[in-house]
Amino acid sequence: MEVHEKIRFLRSFKGWSQEDMASKLGISLNSYAKIERGETDVNLSRLQQISETLNIKLSDLVGLNEKNVISIIGSYNKSYNIDNPLSIHVYPSESSYQQELEKLRLVNEEQRKEIVYLKEIIALLKKEEK
């Protein structure tokens, strides 16, 4: 999930409109909407402000946290020759997979609720047509 998608999901999960979020951040609705659509490169200070507003850690918002395992692999000879590149590999931990599964479960539940709601609207519209 991209950062802008996380922002949209968390805002929606809290029951806030885009207008609410823009107001809390002190920016225009248009500017905020561009953030949620991923049309704006958001600087670190704005991401920090968004994470504080959503009451989550910045590291959770951008997807890096202590639950990711970072493995740094590099080989240096005795003279510390930098011709051998230092490779950084990020491997998700089992708990991060569990977190992603929980997020997907929440998304699926919200989609299920939306489907039920839309079916109710369709039934009401059909009733009105009669």
Protein backbone atom coordinates (compact mmCIF):
# COMPACT_ATOMS: atom_id res chain seq x y z
CA MET A 1 0.00 0.00 0.00
CA GLU A 2 1.44 3.36 -1.03
CA VAL A 3 1.72 6.18 1.53
CA HIS A 4 -1.07 8.21 -0.08
CA GLU A 5 -3.33 5.14 0.02
CA LYS A 6 -2.54 4.63 3.71
CA ILE A 7 -3.38 8.26 4.41
CA ARG A 8 -6.72 7.94 2.59
CA PHE A 9 -7.51 4.64 4.33
CA LEU A 10 -6.68 5.93 7.82
CA ARG A 11 -8.63 9.15 7.29
CA SER A 12 -11.62 7.20 6.07
CA PHE A 13 -11.27 4.69 8.90
CA LYS A 14 -11.52 7.57 11.40
CA GLY A 15 -14.69 8.73 9.65
CA TRP A 16 -13.19 12.04 8.60
CA SER A 17 -13.90 13.73 5.29
CA GLN A 18 -11.16 15.19 3.13
CA GLU A 19 -12.42 18.60 4.24
CA ASP A 20 -11.93 17.61 7.89
CA MET A 21 -8.39 16.45 7.24
CA ALA A 22 -7.48 19.52 5.18
CA SER A 23 -8.79 21.73 7.98
CA LYS A 24 -6.79 19.84 10.63
CA LEU A 25 -3.65 20.23 8.50
CA GLY A 26 -4.34 23.88 7.72
CA ILE A 27 -4.24 23.38 3.95
CA SER A 28 -6.76 23.72 1.14
CA LEU A 29 -9.06 20.86 0.22
CA ASN A 30 -7.53 20.77 -3.26
CA SER A 31 -4.00 20.43 -1.84
CA TYR A 32 -5.08 17.65 0.49
CA ALA A 33 -6.96 15.80 -2.26
CA LYS A 34 -3.77 15.83 -4.35
CA ILE A 35 -1.91 14.19 -1.45
CA GLU A 36 -4.48 11.40 -1.24
CA ARG A 37 -4.37 10.87 -5.01
CA GLY A 38 -0.58 10.63 -4.91
CA GLU A 39 -0.21 13.64 -7.20
CA THR A 40 1.94 15.61 -4.75
CA ASP A 41 5.37 14.75 -3.41
CA VAL A 42 4.86 15.22 0.30
CA ASN A 43 7.82 16.53 2.27
CA LEU A 44 8.90 15.01 5.57
CA SER A 45 7.47 17.77 7.76
CA ARG A 46 4.05 17.41 6.10
CA LEU A 47 4.19 13.62 6.55
CA GLN A 48 5.03 14.16 10.22
CA GLN A 49 2.05 16.53 10.55
CA ILE A 50 -0.24 13.99 8.84
CA SER A 51 0.98 11.15 11.06
CA GLU A 52 0.42 13.24 14.20
CA THR A 53 -3.06 14.19 13.00
CA LEU A 54 -3.89 10.53 12.34
CA ASN A 55 -2.31 9.62 15.70
CA ILE A 56 0.16 7.10 14.26
CA LYS A 57 3.94 6.93 14.13
CA LEU A 58 5.56 8.41 11.06
CA SER A 59 7.49 5.17 10.62
CA ASP A 60 4.20 3.24 10.46
CA LEU A 61 2.83 5.65 7.88
CA VAL A 62 5.80 5.31 5.55
CA GLY A 63 6.10 1.58 6.17
CA LEU A 64 9.42 1.35 7.96
CA ASN A 65 9.35 0.24 11.56
CA GLU A 66 11.12 -1.90 14.08
CA LYS A 67 9.23 -4.96 12.86
CA ASN A 68 11.14 -4.96 9.60
CA VAL A 69 14.40 -6.81 9.66
CA ILE A 70 17.30 -5.00 8.05
CA SER A 71 20.18 -7.09 6.92
CA ILE A 72 23.31 -5.28 5.89
CA ILE A 73 25.65 -7.41 3.87
CA GLY A 74 28.99 -6.18 2.71
CA SER A 75 32.42 -7.49 2.24
CA TYR A 76 35.53 -5.44 2.80
CA ASN A 77 39.09 -6.53 2.43
CA LYS A 78 41.75 -5.67 4.98
CA SER A 79 42.44 -2.33 3.35
CA TYR A 80 38.72 -1.36 3.51
CA ASN A 81 38.51 -1.24 -0.27
CA ILE A 82 35.18 0.37 -1.13
CA ASP A 83 35.08 -1.32 -4.54
CA ASN A 84 32.90 -3.98 -2.90
CA PRO A 85 29.45 -2.40 -2.63
CA LEU A 86 27.47 -2.42 0.56
CA SER A 87 24.08 -4.01 -0.02
CA ILE A 88 21.07 -3.30 2.09
CA HIS A 89 18.23 -5.82 2.02
CA VAL A 90 14.96 -5.29 3.85
CA TYR A 91 13.09 -8.47 4.71
CA PRO A 92 9.61 -8.22 6.16
CA SER A 93 9.18 -10.01 9.46
CA GLU A 94 6.37 -12.46 10.15
CA SER A 95 4.62 -9.87 12.31
CA SER A 96 4.64 -7.36 9.46
CA TYR A 97 2.90 -9.96 7.29
CA GLN A 98 0.35 -10.39 10.07
CA GLN A 99 -0.14 -6.62 10.17
CA GLU A 100 -0.69 -6.53 6.41
CA LEU A 101 -3.19 -9.38 6.68
CA GLU A 102 -5.05 -7.48 9.41
CA LYS A 103 -5.12 -4.35 7.23
CA LEU A 104 -6.49 -6.38 4.33
CA ARG A 105 -9.09 -7.92 6.62
CA LEU A 106 -10.21 -4.43 7.66
CA VAL A 107 -10.34 -3.29 4.03
CA ASN A 108 -12.39 -6.36 3.08
CA GLU A 109 -14.76 -5.76 5.99
CA GLU A 110 -15.25 -2.14 4.93
CA GLN A 111 -15.88 -3.23 1.34
CA ARG A 112 -18.41 -5.80 2.56
CA LYS A 113 -20.23 -3.11 4.54
CA GLU A 114 -20.20 -0.83 1.51
CA ILE A 115 -21.67 -3.59 -0.69
CA VAL A 116 -24.47 -4.18 1.82
CA TYR A 117 -25.14 -0.44 1.97
CA LEU A 118 -25.19 -0.13 -1.84
CA LYS A 119 -27.58 -3.08 -2.11
CA GLU A 120 -29.89 -1.33 0.36
CA ILE A 121 -29.77 1.84 -1.74
CA ILE A 122 -30.56 -0.13 -4.91
CA ALA A 123 -33.51 -1.80 -3.18
CA LEU A 124 -34.82 1.57 -2.02
CA LEU A 125 -34.45 3.05 -5.50
CA LYS A 126 -36.31 0.10 -7.02
CA LYS A 127 -39.05 0.53 -4.41
CA GLU A 128 -39.41 4.23 -5.32
CA GLU A 129 -39.72 3.39 -9.03
CA LYS A 130 -42.80 1.24 -8.40
